[in-house]
Amino acid sequence: MKWALSQLIRYGSQPFYFDTVYDFKKRIENIDDILGIDLVKVKGFGKNVGENRFLFEFTIQTEMILEDAVTLDPIPFPIDLVVEEYFDTTDDGQANLIVGNTIELDDLVWEIVYLEKPIRVTKQI
């Protein structure tokens, strides 16, 4: 999902809502212990909270199929997250830096999903 800053500024302090789906299957092709990933559902809202500062609150839902560290069997690993992220044109260390004139969520969503993957997973006996 991508928004131009000029588009977001027009909303003023009113929230704008979004609901999208990402397909990250290409991104896992070279990751050995992720056997599969469902479509990633992202739903939430964004709003202008200051001069060129934007808050995005959204949920991320998907399921990865990971490899058991012992048996190499597939193990479903559901992900259901609530995320709050800030974007700003100024690098203050507290927000994601807006580069150019757009905010894109796809790389951020992938990073959040990938960081949820445990280092090692095994079946419960």
PDB file of N, CA and C in Angstrom:
ATOM      1  N   MET A   1       0.850  -1.164   0.000  1.00  0.00           N
ATOM      2  CA  MET A   1       0.000   0.000   0.000  1.00  0.00           C
ATOM      3  C   MET A   1       0.902   1.236   0.000  1.00  0.00           C
ATOM      4  N   LYS A   2       0.541   2.218  -0.788  1.00  0.00           N
ATOM      5  CA  LYS A   2       1.376   3.401  -0.971  1.00  0.00           C
ATOM      6  C   LYS A   2       0.501   4.650  -0.965  1.00  0.00           C
ATOM      7  N   TRP A   3       0.967   5.686  -0.246  1.00  0.00           N
ATOM      8  CA  TRP A   3       0.258   6.953  -0.204  1.00  0.00           C
ATOM      9  C   TRP A   3       1.231   8.090  -0.477  1.00  0.00           C
ATOM     10  N   ALA A   4       0.778   9.073  -1.239  1.00  0.00           N
ATOM     11  CA  ALA A   4       1.553  10.299  -1.452  1.00  0.00           C
ATOM     12  C   ALA A   4       1.334  11.214  -0.250  1.00  0.00           C
ATOM     13  N   LEU A   5       2.367  11.917   0.160  1.00  0.00           N
ATOM     14  CA  LEU A   5       2.239  12.831   1.305  1.00  0.00           C
ATOM     15  C   LEU A   5       1.165  13.875   1.055  1.00  0.00           C
ATOM     16  N   SER A   6       1.081  14.382  -0.166  1.00  0.00           N
ATOM     17  CA  SER A   6       0.067  15.400  -0.465  1.00  0.00           C
ATOM     18  C   SER A   6      -1.338  14.839  -0.257  1.00  0.00           C
ATOM     19  N   GLN A   7      -1.524  13.568  -0.583  1.00  0.00           N
ATOM     20  CA  GLN A   7      -2.811  12.908  -0.370  1.00  0.00           C
ATOM     21  C   GLN A   7      -3.113  12.809   1.127  1.00  0.00           C
ATOM     22  N   LEU A   8      -2.126  12.439   1.920  1.00  0.00           N
ATOM     23  CA  LEU A   8      -2.332  12.265   3.363  1.00  0.00           C
ATOM     24  C   LEU A   8      -2.565  13.594   4.072  1.00  0.00           C
ATOM     25  N   ILE A   9      -1.899  14.644   3.623  1.00  0.00           N
ATOM     26  CA  ILE A   9      -2.055  15.961   4.242  1.00  0.00           C
ATOM     27  C   ILE A   9      -3.477  16.469   4.055  1.00  0.00           C
ATOM     28  N   ARG A  10      -4.104  16.120   2.934  1.00  0.00           N
ATOM     29  CA  ARG A  10      -5.484  16.547   2.685  1.00  0.00           C
ATOM     30  C   ARG A  10      -6.474  16.004   3.714  1.00  0.00           C
ATOM     31  N   TYR A  11      -6.170  14.868   4.315  1.00  0.00           N
ATOM     32  CA  TYR A  11      -7.059  14.312   5.339  1.00  0.00           C
ATOM     33  C   TYR A  11      -7.040  15.138   6.628  1.00  0.00           C
ATOM     34  N   GLY A  12      -6.025  15.961   6.801  1.00  0.00           N
ATOM     35  CA  GLY A  12      -5.901  16.730   8.048  1.00  0.00           C
ATOM     36  C   GLY A  12      -5.692  15.758   9.196  1.00  0.00           C
ATOM     37  N   SER A  13      -6.383  15.990  10.296  1.00  0.00           N
ATOM     38  CA  SER A  13      -6.233  15.089  11.445  1.00  0.00           C
ATOM     39  C   SER A  13      -7.261  13.961  11.421  1.00  0.00           C
ATOM     40  N   GLN A  14      -8.065  13.889  10.356  1.00  0.00           N
ATOM     41  CA  GLN A  14      -9.063  12.820  10.236  1.00  0.00           C
ATOM     42  C   GLN A  14      -8.377  11.506   9.835  1.00  0.00           C
ATOM     43  N   PRO A  15      -8.770  10.408  10.446  1.00  0.00           N
ATOM     44  CA  PRO A  15      -8.146   9.136  10.071  1.00  0.00           C
ATOM     45  C   PRO A  15      -8.600   8.667   8.692  1.00  0.00           C
ATOM     46  N   PHE A  16      -7.743   7.928   8.019  1.00  0.00           N
ATOM     47  CA  PHE A  16      -8.078   7.284   6.758  1.00  0.00           C
ATOM     48  C   PHE A  16      -7.854   5.788   6.962  1.00  0.00           C
ATOM     49  N   TYR A  17      -8.746   4.994   6.413  1.00  0.00           N
ATOM     50  CA  TYR A  17      -8.736   3.554   6.671  1.00  0.00           C
ATOM     51  C   TYR A  17      -8.222   2.791   5.459  1.00  0.00           C
ATOM     52  N   PHE A  18      -7.613   1.657   5.729  1.00  0.00           N
ATOM     53  CA  PHE A  18      -7.127   0.806   4.647  1.00  0.00           C
ATOM     54  C   PHE A  18      -7.299  -0.660   5.023  1.00  0.00           C
ATOM     55  N   ASP A  19      -7.395  -1.481   4.013  1.00  0.00           N
ATOM     56  CA  ASP A  19      -7.579  -2.921   4.167  1.00  0.00           C
ATOM     57  C   ASP A  19      -6.963  -3.543   2.926  1.00  0.00           C
ATOM     58  N   THR A  20      -5.869  -4.270   3.094  1.00  0.00           N
ATOM     59  CA  THR A  20      -5.155  -4.799   1.935  1.00  0.00           C
ATOM     60  C   THR A  20      -4.591  -6.176   2.237  1.00  0.00           C
ATOM     61  N   VAL A  21      -4.113  -6.816   1.203  1.00  0.00           N
ATOM     62  CA  VAL A  21      -3.518  -8.144   1.311  1.00  0.00           C
ATOM     63  C   VAL A  21      -2.185  -8.124   0.570  1.00  0.00           C
ATOM     64  N   TYR A  22      -1.150  -8.693   1.202  1.00  0.00           N
ATOM     65  CA  TYR A  22       0.162  -8.799   0.579  1.00  0.00           C
ATOM     66  C   TYR A  22       0.488 -10.266   0.312  1.00  0.00           C
ATOM     67  N   ASP A  23       1.186 -10.514  -0.777  1.00  0.00           N
ATOM     68  CA  ASP A  23       1.659 -11.851  -1.110  1.00  0.00           C
ATOM     69  C   ASP A  23       3.186 -11.823  -1.024  1.00  0.00           C
ATOM     70  N   PHE A  24       3.733 -12.449   0.016  1.00  0.00           N
ATOM     71  CA  PHE A  24       5.183 -12.441   0.232  1.00  0.00           C
ATOM     72  C   PHE A  24       5.843 -13.758  -0.170  1.00  0.00           C
ATOM     73  N   LYS A  25       5.201 -14.543  -1.003  1.00  0.00           N
ATOM     74  CA  LYS A  25       5.756 -15.838  -1.403  1.00  0.00           C
ATOM     75  C   LYS A  25       7.119 -15.690  -2.093  1.00  0.00           C
ATOM     76  N   LYS A  26       7.296 -14.660  -2.900  1.00  0.00           N
ATOM     77  CA  LYS A  26       8.585 -14.437  -3.577  1.00  0.00           C
ATOM     78  C   LYS A  26       9.696 -14.135  -2.566  1.00  0.00           C
ATOM     79  N   ARG A  27       9.339 -13.475  -1.480  1.00  0.00           N
ATOM     80  CA  ARG A  27      10.349 -13.082  -0.497  1.00  0.00           C
ATOM     81  C   ARG A  27      10.880 -14.259   0.319  1.00  0.00           C
ATOM     82  N   ILE A  28      10.146 -15.375   0.348  1.00  0.00           N
ATOM     83  CA  ILE A  28      10.611 -16.511   1.144  1.00  0.00           C
ATOM     84  C   ILE A  28      11.341 -17.558   0.304  1.00  0.00           C
ATOM     85  N   GLU A  29      11.479 -17.327  -0.990  1.00  0.00           N
ATOM     86  CA  GLU A  29      12.089 -18.327  -1.868  1.00  0.00           C
ATOM     87  C   GLU A  29      13.484 -18.746  -1.427  1.00  0.00           C
ATOM     88  N   ASN A  30      14.271 -17.862  -0.869  1.00  0.00           N
ATOM     89  CA  ASN A  30      15.641 -18.180  -0.456  1.00  0.00           C
ATOM     90  C   ASN A  30      15.798 -18.307   1.052  1.00  0.00           C
ATOM     91  N   ILE A  31      14.690 -18.492   1.751  1.00  0.00           N
ATOM     92  CA  ILE A  31      14.744 -18.683   3.204  1.00  0.00           C
ATOM     93  C   ILE A  31      14.400 -20.141   3.465  1.00  0.00           C
ATOM     94  N   ASP A  32      15.407 -20.918   3.845  1.00  0.00           N
ATOM     95  CA  ASP A  32      15.274 -22.369   3.919  1.00  0.00           C
ATOM     96  C   ASP A  32      14.251 -22.868   4.932  1.00  0.00           C
ATOM     97  N   ASP A  33      14.133 -22.212   6.082  1.00  0.00           N
ATOM     98  CA  ASP A  33      13.256 -22.764   7.123  1.00  0.00           C
ATOM     99  C   ASP A  33      11.830 -22.220   7.083  1.00  0.00           C
ATOM    100  N   ILE A  34      11.508 -21.382   6.106  1.00  0.00           N
ATOM    101  CA  ILE A  34      10.110 -20.983   5.880  1.00  0.00           C
ATOM    102  C   ILE A  34       9.635 -21.745   4.643  1.00  0.00           C
ATOM    103  N   LEU A  35       8.756 -22.700   4.874  1.00  0.00           N
ATOM    104  CA  LEU A  35       8.280 -23.555   3.788  1.00  0.00           C
ATOM    105  C   LEU A  35       7.143 -22.912   3.007  1.00  0.00           C
ATOM    106  N   GLY A  36       6.410 -22.008   3.650  1.00  0.00           N
ATOM    107  CA  GLY A  36       5.292 -21.355   2.987  1.00  0.00           C
ATOM    108  C   GLY A  36       4.776 -20.209   3.822  1.00  0.00           C
ATOM    109  N   ILE A  37       3.983 -19.367   3.190  1.00  0.00           N
ATOM    110  CA  ILE A  37       3.348 -18.259   3.899  1.00  0.00           C
ATOM    111  C   ILE A  37       2.023 -17.954   3.208  1.00  0.00           C
ATOM    112  N   ASP A  38       0.975 -17.822   4.016  1.00  0.00           N
ATOM    113  CA  ASP A  38      -0.332 -17.432   3.495  1.00  0.00           C
ATOM    114  C   ASP A  38      -0.306 -15.962   3.094  1.00  0.00           C
ATOM    115  N   LEU A  39      -1.357 -15.525   2.421  1.00  0.00           N
ATOM    116  CA  LEU A  39      -1.500 -14.099   2.146  1.00  0.00           C
ATOM    117  C   LEU A  39      -1.533 -13.355   3.476  1.00  0.00           C
ATOM    118  N   VAL A  40      -0.926 -12.183   3.510  1.00  0.00           N
ATOM    119  CA  VAL A  40      -0.832 -11.384   4.729  1.00  0.00           C
ATOM    120  C   VAL A  40      -1.921 -10.319   4.677  1.00  0.00           C
ATOM    121  N   LYS A  41      -2.845 -10.379   5.634  1.00  0.00           N
ATOM    122  CA  LYS A  41      -3.949  -9.421   5.695  1.00  0.00           C
ATOM    123  C   LYS A  41      -3.569  -8.270   6.616  1.00  0.00           C
ATOM    124  N   VAL A  42      -3.689  -7.064   6.094  1.00  0.00           N
ATOM    125  CA  VAL A  42      -3.347  -5.858   6.848  1.00  0.00           C
ATOM    126  C   VAL A  42      -4.555  -4.931   6.819  1.00  0.00           C
ATOM    127  N   LYS A  43      -4.981  -4.513   8.002  1.00  0.00           N
ATOM    128  CA  LYS A  43      -6.169  -3.669   8.107  1.00  0.00           C
ATOM    129  C   LYS A  43      -5.939  -2.666   9.234  1.00  0.00           C
ATOM    130  N   GLY A  44      -6.271  -1.404   8.962  1.00  0.00           N
ATOM    131  CA  GLY A  44      -6.098  -0.403  10.003  1.00  0.00           C
ATOM    132  C   GLY A  44      -6.393   0.992   9.514  1.00  0.00           C
ATOM    133  N   PHE A  45      -5.749   1.955  10.168  1.00  0.00           N
ATOM    134  CA  PHE A  45      -5.957   3.348   9.796  1.00  0.00           C
ATOM    135  C   PHE A  45      -4.669   4.125   9.986  1.00  0.00           C
ATOM    136  N   GLY A  46      -4.624   5.269   9.363  1.00  0.00           N
ATOM    137  CA  GLY A  46      -3.520   6.200   9.524  1.00  0.00           C
ATOM    138  C   GLY A  46      -4.094   7.583   9.749  1.00  0.00           C
ATOM    139  N   LYS A  47      -3.288   8.455  10.336  1.00  0.00           N
ATOM    140  CA  LYS A  47      -3.719   9.842  10.484  1.00  0.00           C
ATOM    141  C   LYS A  47      -2.509  10.733  10.685  1.00  0.00           C
ATOM    142  N   ASN A  48      -2.714  11.997  10.322  1.00  0.00           N
ATOM    143  CA  ASN A  48      -1.689  13.011  10.486  1.00  0.00           C
ATOM    144  C   ASN A  48      -1.702  13.450  11.946  1.00  0.00           C
ATOM    145  N   VAL A  49      -0.559  13.320  12.623  1.00  0.00           N
ATOM    146  CA  VAL A  49      -0.488  13.689  14.039  1.00  0.00           C
ATOM    147  C   VAL A  49       0.474  14.842  14.291  1.00  0.00           C
ATOM    148  N   GLY A  50       0.909  15.494  13.240  1.00  0.00           N
ATOM    149  CA  GLY A  50       1.816  16.628  13.375  1.00  0.00           C
ATOM    150  C   GLY A  50       2.304  17.025  11.997  1.00  0.00           C
ATOM    151  N   GLU A  51       3.160  18.017  11.962  1.00  0.00           N
ATOM    152  CA  GLU A  51       3.671  18.476  10.682  1.00  0.00           C
ATOM    153  C   GLU A  51       4.499  17.382  10.028  1.00  0.00           C
ATOM    154  N   ASN A  52       3.965  16.791   8.969  1.00  0.00           N
ATOM    155  CA  ASN A  52       4.606  15.695   8.241  1.00  0.00           C
ATOM    156  C   ASN A  52       4.935  14.489   9.125  1.00  0.00           C
ATOM    157  N   ARG A  53       4.122  14.251  10.151  1.00  0.00           N
ATOM    158  CA  ARG A  53       4.252  13.075  11.015  1.00  0.00           C
ATOM    159  C   ARG A  53       2.930  12.323  10.972  1.00  0.00           C
ATOM    160  N   PHE A  54       3.012  11.021  10.714  1.00  0.00           N
ATOM    161  CA  PHE A  54       1.816  10.216  10.524  1.00  0.00           C
ATOM    162  C   PHE A  54       1.870   8.978  11.409  1.00  0.00           C
ATOM    163  N   LEU A  55       0.737   8.665  11.987  1.00  0.00           N
ATOM    164  CA  LEU A  55       0.580   7.463  12.808  1.00  0.00           C
ATOM    165  C   LEU A  55      -0.204   6.439  12.004  1.00  0.00           C
ATOM    166  N   PHE A  56       0.283   5.212  11.975  1.00  0.00           N
ATOM    167  CA  PHE A  56      -0.423   4.096  11.361  1.00  0.00           C
ATOM    168  C   PHE A  56      -0.643   3.034  12.424  1.00  0.00           C
ATOM    169  N   GLU A  57      -1.892   2.668  12.637  1.00  0.00           N
ATOM    170  CA  GLU A  57      -2.236   1.574  13.542  1.00  0.00           C
ATOM    171  C   GLU A  57      -2.934   0.522  12.707  1.00  0.00           C
ATOM    172  N   PHE A  58      -2.426  -0.725  12.784  1.00  0.00           N
ATOM    173  CA  PHE A  58      -3.010  -1.767  11.946  1.00  0.00           C
ATOM    174  C   PHE A  58      -2.773  -3.146  12.536  1.00  0.00           C
ATOM    175  N   THR A  59      -3.534  -4.101  12.023  1.00  0.00           N
ATOM    176  CA  THR A  59      -3.345  -5.496  12.402  1.00  0.00           C
ATOM    177  C   THR A  59      -2.715  -6.238  11.233  1.00  0.00           C
ATOM    178  N   ILE A  60      -1.957  -7.257  11.574  1.00  0.00           N
ATOM    179  CA  ILE A  60      -1.336  -8.137  10.584  1.00  0.00           C
ATOM    180  C   ILE A  60      -1.752  -9.554  10.938  1.00  0.00           C
ATOM    181  N   GLN A  61      -2.317 -10.262   9.961  1.00  0.00           N
ATOM    182  CA  GLN A  61      -2.711 -11.647  10.181  1.00  0.00           C
ATOM    183  C   GLN A  61      -2.227 -12.514   9.027  1.00  0.00           C
ATOM    184  N   THR A  62      -1.571 -13.616   9.380  1.00  0.00           N
ATOM    185  CA  THR A  62      -1.111 -14.579   8.382  1.00  0.00           C
ATOM    186  C   THR A  62      -0.717 -15.860   9.086  1.00  0.00           C
ATOM    187  N   GLU A  63      -0.260 -16.809   8.297  1.00  0.00           N
ATOM    188  CA  GLU A  63       0.295 -18.038   8.859  1.00  0.00           C
ATOM    189  C   GLU A  63       1.488 -18.452   8.016  1.00  0.00           C
ATOM    190  N   MET A  64       2.608 -18.707   8.708  1.00  0.00           N
ATOM    191  CA  MET A  64       3.794 -19.244   8.052  1.00  0.00           C
ATOM    192  C   MET A  64       3.827 -20.749   8.282  1.00  0.00           C
ATOM    193  N   ILE A  65       4.399 -21.451   7.348  1.00  0.00           N
ATOM    194  CA  ILE A  65       4.685 -22.867   7.536  1.00  0.00           C
ATOM    195  C   ILE A  65       6.195 -22.965   7.723  1.00  0.00           C
ATOM    196  N   LEU A  66       6.593 -23.333   8.938  1.00  0.00           N
ATOM    197  CA  LEU A  66       8.012 -23.406   9.279  1.00  0.00           C
ATOM    198  C   LEU A  66       8.466 -24.856   9.332  1.00  0.00           C
ATOM    199  N   GLU A  67       9.757 -25.038   9.340  1.00  0.00           N
ATOM    200  CA  GLU A  67      10.339 -26.373   9.363  1.00  0.00           C
ATOM    201  C   GLU A  67      10.725 -26.739  10.794  1.00  0.00           C
ATOM    202  N   ASP A  68      10.268 -27.909  11.239  1.00  0.00           N
ATOM    203  CA  ASP A  68      10.631 -28.416  12.558  1.00  0.00           C
ATOM    204  C   ASP A  68      12.151 -28.585  12.604  1.00  0.00           C
ATOM    205  N   ALA A  69      12.782 -28.074  13.656  1.00  0.00           N
ATOM    206  CA  ALA A  69      14.233 -28.100  13.761  1.00  0.00           C
ATOM    207  C   ALA A  69      14.793 -29.507  13.939  1.00  0.00           C
ATOM    208  N   VAL A  70      13.962 -30.442  14.402  1.00  0.00           N
ATOM    209  CA  VAL A  70      14.427 -31.805  14.632  1.00  0.00           C
ATOM    210  C   VAL A  70      14.006 -32.748  13.504  1.00  0.00           C
ATOM    211  N   THR A  71      12.716 -32.768  13.202  1.00  0.00           N
ATOM    212  CA  THR A  71      12.187 -33.743  12.239  1.00  0.00           C
ATOM    213  C   THR A  71      12.088 -33.205  10.812  1.00  0.00           C
ATOM    214  N   LEU A  72      12.207 -31.911  10.634  1.00  0.00           N
ATOM    215  CA  LEU A  72      12.053 -31.219   9.351  1.00  0.00           C
ATOM    216  C   LEU A  72      10.618 -31.252   8.832  1.00  0.00           C
ATOM    217  N   ASP A  73       9.676 -31.650   9.684  1.00  0.00           N
ATOM    218  CA  ASP A  73       8.255 -31.645   9.314  1.00  0.00           C
ATOM    219  C   ASP A  73       7.734 -30.216   9.269  1.00  0.00           C
ATOM    220  N   PRO A  74       6.707 -29.957   8.450  1.00  0.00           N
ATOM    221  CA  PRO A  74       6.104 -28.622   8.420  1.00  0.00           C
ATOM    222  C   PRO A  74       5.289 -28.348   9.687  1.00  0.00           C
ATOM    223  N   ILE A  75       5.404 -27.139  10.204  1.00  0.00           N
ATOM    224  CA  ILE A  75       4.667 -26.719  11.393  1.00  0.00           C
ATOM    225  C   ILE A  75       3.984 -25.388  11.084  1.00  0.00           C
ATOM    226  N   PRO A  76       2.653 -25.310  11.244  1.00  0.00           N
ATOM    227  CA  PRO A  76       1.973 -24.027  11.054  1.00  0.00           C
ATOM    228  C   PRO A  76       2.336 -23.066  12.183  1.00  0.00           C
ATOM    229  N   PHE A  77       2.575 -21.815  11.825  1.00  0.00           N
ATOM    230  CA  PHE A  77       2.928 -20.786  12.809  1.00  0.00           C
ATOM    231  C   PHE A  77       2.059 -19.559  12.536  1.00  0.00           C
ATOM    232  N   PRO A  78       0.913 -19.440  13.252  1.00  0.00           N
ATOM    233  CA  PRO A  78       0.023 -18.292  13.017  1.00  0.00           C
ATOM    234  C   PRO A  78       0.616 -16.995  13.572  1.00  0.00           C
ATOM    235  N   ILE A  79       0.319 -15.907  12.880  1.00  0.00           N
ATOM    236  CA  ILE A  79       0.754 -14.575  13.305  1.00  0.00           C
ATOM    237  C   ILE A  79      -0.475 -13.678  13.323  1.00  0.00           C
ATOM    238  N   ASP A  80      -0.695 -13.032  14.460  1.00  0.00           N
ATOM    239  CA  ASP A  80      -1.813 -12.097  14.624  1.00  0.00           C
ATOM    240  C   ASP A  80      -1.298 -10.956  15.493  1.00  0.00           C
ATOM    241  N   LEU A  81      -0.988  -9.829  14.876  1.00  0.00           N
ATOM    242  CA  LEU A  81      -0.325  -8.715  15.563  1.00  0.00           C
ATOM    243  C   LEU A  81      -1.124  -7.425  15.473  1.00  0.00           C
ATOM    244  N   VAL A  82      -0.954  -6.588  16.476  1.00  0.00           N
ATOM    245  CA  VAL A  82      -1.440  -5.212  16.439  1.00  0.00           C
ATOM    246  C   VAL A  82      -0.191  -4.337  16.425  1.00  0.00           C
ATOM    247  N   VAL A  83      -0.107  -3.438  15.455  1.00  0.00           N
ATOM    248  CA  VAL A  83       1.097  -2.656  15.226  1.00  0.00           C
ATOM    249  C   VAL A  83       0.768  -1.166  15.261  1.00  0.00           C
ATOM    250  N   GLU A  84       1.673  -0.391  15.844  1.00  0.00           N
ATOM    251  CA  GLU A  84       1.581   1.072  15.840  1.00  0.00           C
ATOM    252  C   GLU A  84       2.927   1.604  15.361  1.00  0.00           C
ATOM    253  N   GLU A  85       2.911   2.296  14.234  1.00  0.00           N
ATOM    254  CA  GLU A  85       4.142   2.829  13.649  1.00  0.00           C
ATOM    255  C   GLU A  85       3.962   4.295  13.283  1.00  0.00           C
ATOM    256  N   TYR A  86       5.010   5.069  13.506  1.00  0.00           N
ATOM    257  CA  TYR A  86       5.027   6.484  13.122  1.00  0.00           C
ATOM    258  C   TYR A  86       5.944   6.659  11.923  1.00  0.00           C
ATOM    259  N   PHE A  87       5.572   7.593  11.059  1.00  0.00           N
ATOM    260  CA  PHE A  87       6.386   7.990   9.913  1.00  0.00           C
ATOM    261  C   PHE A  87       6.579   9.490   9.979  1.00  0.00           C
ATOM    262  N   ASP A  88       7.777   9.960   9.634  1.00  0.00           N
ATOM    263  CA  ASP A  88       8.068  11.389   9.693  1.00  0.00           C
ATOM    264  C   ASP A  88       9.104  11.724   8.633  1.00  0.00           C
ATOM    265  N   THR A  89       9.080  12.973   8.164  1.00  0.00           N
ATOM    266  CA  THR A  89      10.069  13.430   7.194  1.00  0.00           C
ATOM    267  C   THR A  89      11.389  13.798   7.859  1.00  0.00           C
ATOM    268  N   THR A  90      11.389  13.909   9.183  1.00  0.00           N
ATOM    269  CA  THR A  90      12.589  14.229   9.947  1.00  0.00           C
ATOM    270  C   THR A  90      13.061  12.984  10.683  1.00  0.00           C
ATOM    271  N   ASP A  91      14.348  12.699  10.606  1.00  0.00           N
ATOM    272  CA  ASP A  91      14.902  11.522  11.268  1.00  0.00           C
ATOM    273  C   ASP A  91      15.169  11.859  12.739  1.00  0.00           C
ATOM    274  N   ASP A  92      14.195  11.532  13.597  1.00  0.00           N
ATOM    275  CA  ASP A  92      14.341  11.804  15.019  1.00  0.00           C
ATOM    276  C   ASP A  92      14.631  10.533  15.826  1.00  0.00           C
ATOM    277  N   GLY A  93      14.786   9.403  15.149  1.00  0.00           N
ATOM    278  CA  GLY A  93      15.063   8.146  15.821  1.00  0.00           C
ATOM    279  C   GLY A  93      13.831   7.488  16.416  1.00  0.00           C
ATOM    280  N   GLN A  94      12.705   8.157  16.380  1.00  0.00           N
ATOM    281  CA  GLN A  94      11.473   7.637  16.965  1.00  0.00           C
ATOM    282  C   GLN A  94      10.480   7.156  15.918  1.00  0.00           C
ATOM    283  N   ALA A  95      10.704   7.513  14.667  1.00  0.00           N
ATOM    284  CA  ALA A  95       9.736   7.207  13.613  1.00  0.00           C
ATOM    285  C   ALA A  95      10.461   6.663  12.389  1.00  0.00           C
ATOM    286  N   ASN A  96       9.703   5.998  11.532  1.00  0.00           N
ATOM    287  CA  ASN A  96      10.225   5.567  10.241  1.00  0.00           C
ATOM    288  C   ASN A  96      10.422   6.811   9.380  1.00  0.00           C
ATOM    289  N   LEU A  97      11.569   6.920   8.764  1.00  0.00           N
ATOM    290  CA  LEU A  97      11.874   8.085   7.941  1.00  0.00           C
ATOM    291  C   LEU A  97      11.163   7.982   6.602  1.00  0.00           C
ATOM    292  N   ILE A  98      10.467   9.034   6.229  1.00  0.00           N
ATOM    293  CA  ILE A  98       9.808   9.106   4.930  1.00  0.00           C
ATOM    294  C   ILE A  98      10.846   9.571   3.917  1.00  0.00           C
ATOM    295  N   VAL A  99      11.132   8.718   2.950  1.00  0.00           N
ATOM    296  CA  VAL A  99      12.091   9.048   1.899  1.00  0.00           C
ATOM    297  C   VAL A  99      11.284   9.355   0.644  1.00  0.00           C
ATOM    298  N   GLY A 100      11.517  10.508   0.080  1.00  0.00           N
ATOM    299  CA  GLY A 100      10.741  10.918  -1.085  1.00  0.00           C
ATOM    300  C   GLY A 100       9.415  11.507  -0.645  1.00  0.00           C
ATOM    301  N   ASN A 101       8.403  11.300  -1.458  1.00  0.00           N
ATOM    302  CA  ASN A 101       7.096  11.895  -1.184  1.00  0.00           C
ATOM    303  C   ASN A 101       6.011  10.864  -0.922  1.00  0.00           C
ATOM    304  N   THR A 102       6.410   9.629  -0.593  1.00  0.00           N
ATOM    305  CA  THR A 102       5.404   8.593  -0.373  1.00  0.00           C
ATOM    306  C   THR A 102       5.708   7.768   0.874  1.00  0.00           C
ATOM    307  N   ILE A 103       4.653   7.181   1.415  1.00  0.00           N
ATOM    308  CA  ILE A 103       4.765   6.205   2.494  1.00  0.00           C
ATOM    309  C   ILE A 103       4.300   4.875   1.914  1.00  0.00           C
ATOM    310  N   GLU A 104       5.152   3.868   2.046  1.00  0.00           N
ATOM    311  CA  GLU A 104       4.812   2.519   1.588  1.00  0.00           C
ATOM    312  C   GLU A 104       4.893   1.577   2.787  1.00  0.00           C
ATOM    313  N   LEU A 105       3.909   0.696   2.903  1.00  0.00           N
ATOM    314  CA  LEU A 105       3.873  -0.222   4.035  1.00  0.00           C
ATOM    315  C   LEU A 105       4.431  -1.602   3.735  1.00  0.00           C
ATOM    316  N   ASP A 106       4.570  -1.997   2.472  1.00  0.00           N
ATOM    317  CA  ASP A 106       4.898  -3.389   2.176  1.00  0.00           C
ATOM    318  C   ASP A 106       6.216  -3.855   2.790  1.00  0.00           C
ATOM    319  N   ASP A 107       7.288  -3.078   2.692  1.00  0.00           N
ATOM    320  CA  ASP A 107       8.566  -3.487   3.284  1.00  0.00           C
ATOM    321  C   ASP A 107       8.485  -3.541   4.808  1.00  0.00           C
ATOM    322  N   LEU A 108       7.792  -2.587   5.400  1.00  0.00           N
ATOM    323  CA  LEU A 108       7.632  -2.578   6.851  1.00  0.00           C
ATOM    324  C   LEU A 108       6.835  -3.790   7.323  1.00  0.00           C
ATOM    325  N   VAL A 109       5.761  -4.108   6.630  1.00  0.00           N
ATOM    326  CA  VAL A 109       4.942  -5.271   7.004  1.00  0.00           C
ATOM    327  C   VAL A 109       5.765  -6.548   6.878  1.00  0.00           C
ATOM    328  N   TRP A 110       6.534  -6.693   5.804  1.00  0.00           N
ATOM    329  CA  TRP A 110       7.377  -7.870   5.649  1.00  0.00           C
ATOM    330  C   TRP A 110       8.386  -7.965   6.793  1.00  0.00           C
ATOM    331  N   GLU A 111       9.010  -6.860   7.144  1.00  0.00           N
ATOM    332  CA  GLU A 111       9.991  -6.858   8.228  1.00  0.00           C
ATOM    333  C   GLU A 111       9.352  -7.303   9.545  1.00  0.00           C
ATOM    334  N   ILE A 112       8.168  -6.807   9.837  1.00  0.00           N
ATOM    335  CA  ILE A 112       7.469  -7.170  11.070  1.00  0.00           C
ATOM    336  C   ILE A 112       7.128  -8.659  11.063  1.00  0.00           C
ATOM    337  N   VAL A 113       6.613  -9.160   9.949  1.00  0.00           N
ATOM    338  CA  VAL A 113       6.261 -10.586   9.848  1.00  0.00           C
ATOM    339  C   VAL A 113       7.518 -11.441   9.990  1.00  0.00           C
ATOM    340  N   TYR A 114       8.568 -11.084   9.293  1.00  0.00           N
ATOM    341  CA  TYR A 114       9.799 -11.879   9.330  1.00  0.00           C
ATOM    342  C   TYR A 114      10.412 -11.902  10.731  1.00  0.00           C
ATOM    343  N   LEU A 115      10.349 -10.794  11.430  1.00  0.00           N
ATOM    344  CA  LEU A 115      10.905 -10.742  12.783  1.00  0.00           C
ATOM    345  C   LEU A 115      10.097 -11.563  13.789  1.00  0.00           C
ATOM    346  N   GLU A 116       8.874 -11.916  13.451  1.00  0.00           N
ATOM    347  CA  GLU A 116       8.061 -12.777  14.317  1.00  0.00           C
ATOM    348  C   GLU A 116       8.481 -14.240  14.216  1.00  0.00           C
ATOM    349  N   LYS A 117       9.182 -14.593  13.162  1.00  0.00           N
ATOM    350  CA  LYS A 117       9.611 -15.983  12.967  1.00  0.00           C
ATOM    351  C   LYS A 117      10.603 -16.367  14.060  1.00  0.00           C
ATOM    352  N   PRO A 118      10.295 -17.438  14.791  1.00  0.00           N
ATOM    353  CA  PRO A 118      11.251 -17.868  15.817  1.00  0.00           C
ATOM    354  C   PRO A 118      12.529 -18.419  15.170  1.00  0.00           C
ATOM    355  N   ILE A 119      13.617 -18.369  15.901  1.00  0.00           N
ATOM    356  CA  ILE A 119      14.882 -18.885  15.394  1.00  0.00           C
ATOM    357  C   ILE A 119      14.799 -20.389  15.186  1.00  0.00           C
ATOM    358  N   ARG A 120      14.113 -21.050  16.108  1.00  0.00           N
ATOM    359  CA  ARG A 120      14.008 -22.507  16.065  1.00  0.00           C
ATOM    360  C   ARG A 120      12.617 -22.892  16.533  1.00  0.00           C
ATOM    361  N   VAL A 121      11.992 -23.829  15.843  1.00  0.00           N
ATOM    362  CA  VAL A 121      10.659 -24.278  16.224  1.00  0.00           C
ATOM    363  C   VAL A 121      10.631 -25.813  16.189  1.00  0.00           C
ATOM    364  N   THR A 122       9.957 -26.396  17.171  1.00  0.00           N
ATOM    365  CA  THR A 122       9.772 -27.850  17.209  1.00  0.00           C
ATOM    366  C   THR A 122       8.335 -28.149  17.575  1.00  0.00           C
ATOM    367  N   LYS A 123       7.885 -29.346  17.197  1.00  0.00           N
ATOM    368  CA  LYS A 123       6.526 -29.776  17.516  1.00  0.00           C
ATOM    369  C   LYS A 123       6.392 -30.009  19.011  1.00  0.00           C
ATOM    370  N   GLN A 124       5.213 -29.690  19.516  1.00  0.00           N
ATOM    371  CA  GLN A 124       4.880 -30.001  20.908  1.00  0.00           C
ATOM    372  C   GLN A 124       4.527 -31.477  20.975  1.00  0.00           C
ATOM    373  N   ILE A 125       5.042 -32.192  21.952  1.00  0.00           N
ATOM    374  CA  ILE A 125       4.719 -33.621  22.098  1.00  0.00           C
ATOM    375  C   ILE A 125       3.693 -33.815  23.186  1.00  0.00           C
TER     376      ILE A 125
END
